[in-house]
PDB file of all heavy atoms in Angstrom:
ATOM      1  N   PHE A   1     155.485 127.235 -65.384  1.00  0.00           N
ATOM      2  CA  PHE A   1     154.268 126.740 -64.738  1.00  0.00           C
ATOM      3  C   PHE A   1     154.426 125.334 -64.164  1.00  0.00           C
ATOM      4  O   PHE A   1     153.517 124.823 -63.507  1.00  0.00           O
ATOM      5  CB  PHE A   1     153.108 126.750 -65.738  1.00  0.00           C
ATOM      6  CG  PHE A   1     152.610 128.135 -66.070  1.00  0.00           C
ATOM      7  CD1 PHE A   1     152.845 128.693 -67.313  1.00  0.00           C
ATOM      8  CD2 PHE A   1     151.904 128.879 -65.132  1.00  0.00           C
ATOM      9  CE1 PHE A   1     152.381 129.963 -67.627  1.00  0.00           C
ATOM     10  CE2 PHE A   1     151.436 130.151 -65.426  1.00  0.00           C
ATOM     11  CZ  PHE A   1     151.682 130.704 -66.679  1.00  0.00           C
ATOM     12  N   GLY A   2     155.580 124.704 -64.415  1.00  0.00           N
ATOM     13  CA  GLY A   2     155.814 123.379 -63.864  1.00  0.00           C
ATOM     14  C   GLY A   2     155.021 122.284 -64.543  1.00  0.00           C
ATOM     15  O   GLY A   2     154.547 121.349 -63.884  1.00  0.00           O
ATOM     16  N   VAL A   3     154.863 122.392 -65.864  1.00  0.00           N
ATOM     17  CA  VAL A   3     154.145 121.365 -66.617  1.00  0.00           C
ATOM     18  C   VAL A   3     155.043 120.853 -67.738  1.00  0.00           C
ATOM     19  O   VAL A   3     156.027 121.492 -68.106  1.00  0.00           O
ATOM     20  CB  VAL A   3     152.824 121.913 -67.218  1.00  0.00           C
ATOM     21  CG1 VAL A   3     151.882 122.349 -66.120  1.00  0.00           C
ATOM     22  CG2 VAL A   3     153.103 123.083 -68.174  1.00  0.00           C
ATOM     23  N   GLU A   4     154.686 119.678 -68.276  1.00  0.00           N
ATOM     24  CA  GLU A   4     155.403 119.116 -69.412  1.00  0.00           C
ATOM     25  C   GLU A   4     154.736 119.580 -70.705  1.00  0.00           C
ATOM     26  O   GLU A   4     153.539 119.914 -70.727  1.00  0.00           O
ATOM     27  CB  GLU A   4     155.388 117.586 -69.347  1.00  0.00           C
ATOM     28  CG  GLU A   4     156.046 117.007 -68.101  1.00  0.00           C
ATOM     29  CD  GLU A   4     157.537 117.258 -68.066  1.00  0.00           C
ATOM     30  OE1 GLU A   4     158.143 117.440 -69.141  1.00  0.00           O
ATOM     31  OE2 GLU A   4     158.099 117.281 -66.950  1.00  0.00           O
ATOM     32  N   GLU A   5     155.523 119.577 -71.805  1.00  0.00           N
ATOM     33  CA  GLU A   5     154.972 120.055 -73.077  1.00  0.00           C
ATOM     34  C   GLU A   5     153.799 119.198 -73.536  1.00  0.00           C
ATOM     35  O   GLU A   5     152.788 119.721 -74.028  1.00  0.00           O
ATOM     36  CB  GLU A   5     156.065 120.065 -74.144  1.00  0.00           C
ATOM     37  CG  GLU A   5     155.579 120.639 -75.473  1.00  0.00           C
ATOM     38  CD  GLU A   5     156.683 120.796 -76.487  1.00  0.00           C
ATOM     39  OE1 GLU A   5     157.867 120.672 -76.113  1.00  0.00           O
ATOM     40  OE2 GLU A   5     156.369 121.034 -77.674  1.00  0.00           O
ATOM     41  N   HIS A   6     153.902 117.888 -73.358  1.00  0.00           N
ATOM     42  CA  HIS A   6     152.799 117.024 -73.789  1.00  0.00           C
ATOM     43  C   HIS A   6     151.543 117.275 -72.959  1.00  0.00           C
ATOM     44  O   HIS A   6     150.410 117.072 -73.439  1.00  0.00           O
ATOM     45  CB  HIS A   6     153.218 115.545 -73.715  1.00  0.00           C
ATOM     46  CG  HIS A   6     153.356 115.002 -72.325  1.00  0.00           C
ATOM     47  ND1 HIS A   6     152.304 114.474 -71.620  1.00  0.00           N
ATOM     48  CD2 HIS A   6     154.434 114.940 -71.501  1.00  0.00           C
ATOM     49  CE1 HIS A   6     152.724 114.077 -70.427  1.00  0.00           C
ATOM     50  NE2 HIS A   6     154.016 114.346 -70.323  1.00  0.00           N
ATOM     51  N   GLU A   7     151.730 117.752 -71.724  1.00  0.00           N
ATOM     52  CA  GLU A   7     150.573 118.034 -70.873  1.00  0.00           C
ATOM     53  C   GLU A   7     149.852 119.296 -71.330  1.00  0.00           C
ATOM     54  O   GLU A   7     148.614 119.345 -71.353  1.00  0.00           O
ATOM     55  CB  GLU A   7     151.023 118.191 -69.420  1.00  0.00           C
ATOM     56  CG  GLU A   7     151.520 116.901 -68.795  1.00  0.00           C
ATOM     57  CD  GLU A   7     152.075 117.093 -67.396  1.00  0.00           C
ATOM     58  OE1 GLU A   7     152.470 118.246 -67.053  1.00  0.00           O
ATOM     59  OE2 GLU A   7     152.121 116.105 -66.640  1.00  0.00           O
ATOM     60  N   VAL A   8     150.613 120.331 -71.696  1.00  0.00           N
ATOM     61  CA  VAL A   8     149.988 121.589 -72.094  1.00  0.00           C
ATOM     62  C   VAL A   8     149.300 121.467 -73.457  1.00  0.00           C
ATOM     63  O   VAL A   8     148.534 122.347 -73.857  1.00  0.00           O
ATOM     64  CB  VAL A   8     151.039 122.728 -72.097  1.00  0.00           C
ATOM     65  CG1 VAL A   8     151.860 122.730 -73.374  1.00  0.00           C
ATOM     66  CG2 VAL A   8     150.382 124.088 -71.885  1.00  0.00           C
ATOM     67  N   LEU A   9     149.537 120.340 -74.156  1.00  0.00           N
ATOM     68  CA  LEU A   9     148.884 120.090 -75.445  1.00  0.00           C
ATOM     69  C   LEU A   9     147.724 119.104 -75.309  1.00  0.00           C
ATOM     70  O   LEU A   9     147.109 118.716 -76.296  1.00  0.00           O
ATOM     71  CB  LEU A   9     149.900 119.552 -76.458  1.00  0.00           C
ATOM     72  CG  LEU A   9     151.064 120.487 -76.802  1.00  0.00           C
ATOM     73  CD1 LEU A   9     152.032 119.802 -77.753  1.00  0.00           C
ATOM     74  CD2 LEU A   9     150.557 121.792 -77.411  1.00  0.00           C
ATOM     75  N   MET A  10     147.419 118.715 -74.072  1.00  0.00           N
ATOM     76  CA  MET A  10     146.331 117.752 -73.827  1.00  0.00           C
ATOM     77  C   MET A  10     144.969 118.349 -74.157  1.00  0.00           C
ATOM     78  O   MET A  10     144.819 119.565 -74.315  1.00  0.00           O
ATOM     79  CB  MET A  10     146.338 117.324 -72.341  1.00  0.00           C
ATOM     80  CG  MET A  10     147.507 116.466 -71.930  1.00  0.00           C
ATOM     81  SD  MET A  10     147.560 116.252 -70.106  1.00  0.00           S
ATOM     82  CE  MET A  10     145.962 115.478 -69.796  1.00  0.00           C
ATOM     83  N   ASP A  11     143.963 117.484 -74.223  1.00  0.00           N
ATOM     84  CA  ASP A  11     142.578 117.939 -74.326  1.00  0.00           C
ATOM     85  C   ASP A  11     142.292 118.859 -73.133  1.00  0.00           C
ATOM     86  O   ASP A  11     142.636 118.527 -71.984  1.00  0.00           O
ATOM     87  CB  ASP A  11     141.647 116.727 -74.288  1.00  0.00           C
ATOM     88  CG  ASP A  11     140.190 117.137 -74.202  1.00  0.00           C
ATOM     89  OD1 ASP A  11     139.615 117.493 -75.233  1.00  0.00           O
ATOM     90  OD2 ASP A  11     139.654 117.122 -73.065  1.00  0.00           O
ATOM     91  N   PRO A  12     141.687 120.048 -73.366  1.00  0.00           N
ATOM     92  CA  PRO A  12     141.463 121.015 -72.282  1.00  0.00           C
ATOM     93  C   PRO A  12     140.732 120.452 -71.072  1.00  0.00           C
ATOM     94  O   PRO A  12     141.039 120.808 -69.936  1.00  0.00           O
ATOM     95  CB  PRO A  12     140.649 122.120 -72.967  1.00  0.00           C
ATOM     96  CG  PRO A  12     141.084 122.052 -74.396  1.00  0.00           C
ATOM     97  CD  PRO A  12     141.303 120.593 -74.680  1.00  0.00           C
ATOM     98  N   GLY A  13     139.760 119.547 -71.311  1.00  0.00           N
ATOM     99  CA  GLY A  13     139.050 118.971 -70.179  1.00  0.00           C
ATOM    100  C   GLY A  13     139.961 118.124 -69.318  1.00  0.00           C
ATOM    101  O   GLY A  13     139.940 118.216 -68.079  1.00  0.00           O
ATOM    102  N   SER A  14     140.784 117.304 -69.952  1.00  0.00           N
ATOM    103  CA  SER A  14     141.726 116.457 -69.218  1.00  0.00           C
ATOM    104  C   SER A  14     142.780 117.309 -68.526  1.00  0.00           C
ATOM    105  O   SER A  14     143.186 117.018 -67.397  1.00  0.00           O
ATOM    106  CB  SER A  14     142.394 115.467 -70.175  1.00  0.00           C
ATOM    107  OG  SER A  14     141.441 114.632 -70.791  1.00  0.00           O
ATOM    108  N   PHE A  15     143.199 118.376 -69.209  1.00  0.00           N
ATOM    109  CA  PHE A  15     144.219 119.247 -68.629  1.00  0.00           C
ATOM    110  C   PHE A  15     143.672 119.973 -67.406  1.00  0.00           C
ATOM    111  O   PHE A  15     144.361 120.133 -66.394  1.00  0.00           O
ATOM    112  CB  PHE A  15     144.696 120.254 -69.674  1.00  0.00           C
ATOM    113  CG  PHE A  15     145.834 121.111 -69.216  1.00  0.00           C
ATOM    114  CD1 PHE A  15     147.113 120.578 -69.047  1.00  0.00           C
ATOM    115  CD2 PHE A  15     145.650 122.461 -68.939  1.00  0.00           C
ATOM    116  CE1 PHE A  15     148.172 121.369 -68.621  1.00  0.00           C
ATOM    117  CE2 PHE A  15     146.701 123.263 -68.514  1.00  0.00           C
ATOM    118  CZ  PHE A  15     147.969 122.709 -68.356  1.00  0.00           C
ATOM    119  N   ARG A  16     142.405 120.385 -67.480  1.00  0.00           N
ATOM    120  CA  ARG A  16     141.789 121.064 -66.338  1.00  0.00           C
ATOM    121  C   ARG A  16     141.701 120.119 -65.135  1.00  0.00           C
ATOM    122  O   ARG A  16     141.947 120.518 -64.000  1.00  0.00           O
ATOM    123  CB  ARG A  16     140.404 121.579 -66.725  1.00  0.00           C
ATOM    124  CG  ARG A  16     139.725 122.433 -65.663  1.00  0.00           C
ATOM    125  CD  ARG A  16     138.393 122.968 -66.173  1.00  0.00           C
ATOM    126  NE  ARG A  16     138.578 123.874 -67.297  1.00  0.00           N
ATOM    127  CZ  ARG A  16     138.846 125.173 -67.169  1.00  0.00           C
ATOM    128  NH1 ARG A  16     138.949 125.692 -65.947  1.00  0.00           N
ATOM    129  NH2 ARG A  16     138.994 125.921 -68.231  1.00  0.00           N
ATOM    130  N   ASP A  17     141.350 118.853 -65.391  1.00  0.00           N
ATOM    131  CA  ASP A  17     141.298 117.868 -64.312  1.00  0.00           C
ATOM    132  C   ASP A  17     142.681 117.669 -63.699  1.00  0.00           C
ATOM    133  O   ASP A  17     142.818 117.546 -62.472  1.00  0.00           O
ATOM    134  CB  ASP A  17     140.780 116.533 -64.846  1.00  0.00           C
ATOM    135  CG  ASP A  17     139.307 116.594 -65.230  1.00  0.00           C
ATOM    136  OD1 ASP A  17     138.611 117.515 -64.756  1.00  0.00           O
ATOM    137  OD2 ASP A  17     138.876 115.723 -66.026  1.00  0.00           O
ATOM    138  N   LEU A  18     143.703 117.652 -64.547  1.00  0.00           N
ATOM    139  CA  LEU A  18     145.074 117.490 -64.072  1.00  0.00           C
ATOM    140  C   LEU A  18     145.487 118.653 -63.187  1.00  0.00           C
ATOM    141  O   LEU A  18     146.083 118.478 -62.115  1.00  0.00           O
ATOM    142  CB  LEU A  18     146.033 117.360 -65.257  1.00  0.00           C
ATOM    143  CG  LEU A  18     147.526 117.250 -64.919  1.00  0.00           C
ATOM    144  CD1 LEU A  18     147.812 115.945 -64.187  1.00  0.00           C
ATOM    145  CD2 LEU A  18     148.358 117.344 -66.199  1.00  0.00           C
ATOM    146  N   MET A  19     145.150 119.869 -63.613  1.00  0.00           N
ATOM    147  CA  MET A  19     145.538 121.065 -62.853  1.00  0.00           C
ATOM    148  C   MET A  19     144.743 121.198 -61.554  1.00  0.00           C
ATOM    149  O   MET A  19     145.206 121.825 -60.605  1.00  0.00           O
ATOM    150  CB  MET A  19     145.354 122.325 -63.709  1.00  0.00           C
ATOM    151  CG  MET A  19     146.336 122.447 -64.864  1.00  0.00           C
ATOM    152  SD  MET A  19     148.073 122.522 -64.314  1.00  0.00           S
ATOM    153  CE  MET A  19     148.608 120.825 -64.615  1.00  0.00           C
ATOM    154  N   ALA A  20     143.552 120.618 -61.513  1.00  0.00           N
ATOM    155  CA  ALA A  20     142.763 120.648 -60.275  1.00  0.00           C
ATOM    156  C   ALA A  20     143.457 119.829 -59.187  1.00  0.00           C
ATOM    157  O   ALA A  20     143.333 120.124 -57.995  1.00  0.00           O
ATOM    158  CB  ALA A  20     141.361 120.112 -60.528  1.00  0.00           C
ATOM    159  N   ILE A  21     144.185 118.808 -59.618  1.00  0.00           N
ATOM    160  CA  ILE A  21     144.925 117.969 -58.669  1.00  0.00           C
ATOM    161  C   ILE A  21     146.305 118.549 -58.388  1.00  0.00           C
ATOM    162  O   ILE A  21     146.765 118.586 -57.254  1.00  0.00           O
ATOM    163  CB  ILE A  21     145.073 116.537 -59.239  1.00  0.00           C
ATOM    164  CG1 ILE A  21     143.691 115.928 -59.468  1.00  0.00           C
ATOM    165  CG2 ILE A  21     145.909 115.665 -58.316  1.00  0.00           C
ATOM    166  CD1 ILE A  21     143.732 114.610 -60.216  1.00  0.00           C
ATOM    167  N   ARG A  22     146.949 119.020 -59.444  1.00  0.00           N
ATOM    168  CA  ARG A  22     148.323 119.515 -59.316  1.00  0.00           C
ATOM    169  C   ARG A  22     148.377 120.951 -59.810  1.00  0.00           C
ATOM    170  O   ARG A  22     148.515 121.229 -60.995  1.00  0.00           O
ATOM    171  CB  ARG A  22     149.265 118.638 -60.153  1.00  0.00           C
ATOM    172  CG  ARG A  22     150.727 118.915 -59.883  1.00  0.00           C
ATOM    173  CD  ARG A  22     151.586 118.207 -60.921  1.00  0.00           C
ATOM    174  NE  ARG A  22     151.489 118.854 -62.215  1.00  0.00           N
ATOM    175  CZ  ARG A  22     151.691 118.241 -63.383  1.00  0.00           C
ATOM    176  NH1 ARG A  22     151.927 116.948 -63.420  1.00  0.00           N
ATOM    177  NH2 ARG A  22     151.623 118.906 -64.516  1.00  0.00           N
ATOM    178  N   ARG A  23     148.239 121.895 -58.889  1.00  0.00           N
ATOM    179  CA  ARG A  23     148.246 123.303 -59.257  1.00  0.00           C
ATOM    180  C   ARG A  23     149.578 123.686 -59.889  1.00  0.00           C
ATOM    181  O   ARG A  23     150.628 123.169 -59.524  1.00  0.00           O
ATOM    182  CB  ARG A  23     148.005 124.182 -58.023  1.00  0.00           C
ATOM    183  CG  ARG A  23     146.602 124.067 -57.457  1.00  0.00           C
ATOM    184  CD  ARG A  23     145.576 124.675 -58.419  1.00  0.00           C
ATOM    185  NE  ARG A  23     144.247 124.655 -57.863  1.00  0.00           N
ATOM    186  CZ  ARG A  23     143.710 125.663 -57.177  1.00  0.00           C
ATOM    187  NH1 ARG A  23     144.426 126.749 -56.942  1.00  0.00           N
ATOM    188  NH2 ARG A  23     142.481 125.585 -56.726  1.00  0.00           N
ATOM    189  N   PRO A  24     149.585 124.656 -60.826  1.00  0.00           N
ATOM    190  CA  PRO A  24     150.833 125.124 -61.421  1.00  0.00           C
ATOM    191  C   PRO A  24     151.769 125.723 -60.377  1.00  0.00           C
ATOM    192  O   PRO A  24     151.315 126.216 -59.332  1.00  0.00           O
ATOM    193  CB  PRO A  24     150.378 126.208 -62.416  1.00  0.00           C
ATOM    194  CG  PRO A  24     148.938 125.905 -62.681  1.00  0.00           C
ATOM    195  CD  PRO A  24     148.409 125.312 -61.408  1.00  0.00           C
ATOM    196  N   LEU A  25     153.069 125.704 -60.655  1.00  0.00           N
ATOM    197  CA  LEU A  25     154.049 126.272 -59.722  1.00  0.00           C
ATOM    198  C   LEU A  25     153.791 127.749 -59.478  1.00  0.00           C
ATOM    199  O   LEU A  25     154.079 128.269 -58.416  1.00  0.00           O
ATOM    200  CB  LEU A  25     155.465 126.084 -60.283  1.00  0.00           C
ATOM    201  CG  LEU A  25     155.979 124.649 -60.357  1.00  0.00           C
ATOM    202  CD1 LEU A  25     157.383 124.641 -60.937  1.00  0.00           C
ATOM    203  CD2 LEU A  25     155.984 124.006 -58.981  1.00  0.00           C
ATOM    204  N   GLU A  26     153.237 128.417 -60.490  1.00  0.00           N
ATOM    205  CA  GLU A  26     152.974 129.844 -60.361  1.00  0.00           C
ATOM    206  C   GLU A  26     152.059 130.139 -59.182  1.00  0.00           C
ATOM    207  O   GLU A  26     152.122 131.209 -58.592  1.00  0.00           O
ATOM    208  CB  GLU A  26     152.338 130.357 -61.666  1.00  0.00           C
ATOM    209  CG  GLU A  26     151.876 131.807 -61.652  1.00  0.00           C
ATOM    210  CD  GLU A  26     153.015 132.785 -61.580  1.00  0.00           C
ATOM    211  OE1 GLU A  26     154.171 132.372 -61.753  1.00  0.00           O
ATOM    212  OE2 GLU A  26     152.754 133.987 -61.353  1.00  0.00           O
ATOM    213  N   HIS A  27     151.238 129.174 -58.818  1.00  0.00           N
ATOM    214  CA  HIS A  27     150.282 129.383 -57.724  1.00  0.00           C
ATOM    215  C   HIS A  27     150.975 129.392 -56.365  1.00  0.00           C
ATOM    216  O   HIS A  27     150.440 129.933 -55.399  1.00  0.00           O
ATOM    217  CB  HIS A  27     149.221 128.282 -57.767  1.00  0.00           C
ATOM    218  CG  HIS A  27     148.144 128.433 -56.741  1.00  0.00           C
ATOM    219  ND1 HIS A  27     147.148 129.377 -56.847  1.00  0.00           N
ATOM    220  CD2 HIS A  27     147.918 127.759 -55.586  1.00  0.00           C
ATOM    221  CE1 HIS A  27     146.340 129.276 -55.797  1.00  0.00           C
ATOM    222  NE2 HIS A  27     146.778 128.316 -55.027  1.00  0.00           N
ATOM    223  N   GLU A  28     152.167 128.797 -56.295  1.00  0.00           N
ATOM    224  CA  GLU A  28     152.861 128.719 -55.013  1.00  0.00           C
ATOM    225  C   GLU A  28     153.370 130.094 -54.594  1.00  0.00           C
ATOM    226  O   GLU A  28     153.930 130.835 -55.390  1.00  0.00           O
ATOM    227  CB  GLU A  28     154.026 127.734 -55.124  1.00  0.00           C
ATOM    228  CG  GLU A  28     153.567 126.309 -55.393  1.00  0.00           C
ATOM    229  CD  GLU A  28     154.725 125.352 -55.494  1.00  0.00           C
ATOM    230  OE1 GLU A  28     155.883 125.804 -55.344  1.00  0.00           O
ATOM    231  OE2 GLU A  28     154.493 124.165 -55.724  1.00  0.00           O
ATOM    232  N   ALA A  29     153.176 130.434 -53.351  1.00  0.00           N
ATOM    233  CA  ALA A  29     153.563 131.752 -52.850  1.00  0.00           C
ATOM    234  C   ALA A  29     154.995 131.732 -52.316  1.00  0.00           C
ATOM    235  O   ALA A  29     155.512 130.696 -51.923  1.00  0.00           O
ATOM    236  CB  ALA A  29     152.605 132.189 -51.746  1.00  0.00           C
ATOM    237  N   ASP A  30     155.599 132.891 -52.320  1.00  0.00           N
ATOM    238  CA  ASP A  30     156.927 133.082 -51.745  1.00  0.00           C
ATOM    239  C   ASP A  30     156.772 134.161 -50.672  1.00  0.00           C
ATOM    240  O   ASP A  30     156.978 135.344 -50.949  1.00  0.00           O
ATOM    241  CB  ASP A  30     157.911 133.515 -52.835  1.00  0.00           C
ATOM    242  CG  ASP A  30     159.298 133.825 -52.280  1.00  0.00           C
ATOM    243  OD1 ASP A  30     159.538 133.533 -51.089  1.00  0.00           O
ATOM    244  OD2 ASP A  30     160.137 134.364 -53.021  1.00  0.00           O
TER     245      ASP A  30
END
């Protein structure tokens, strides 16, 4: 998913804000 381990263990609200800015690699199309 293109994230760091410490990020995936963050508070869900903070993590959601992070993903809103930086979408996971899985979202990228080929």
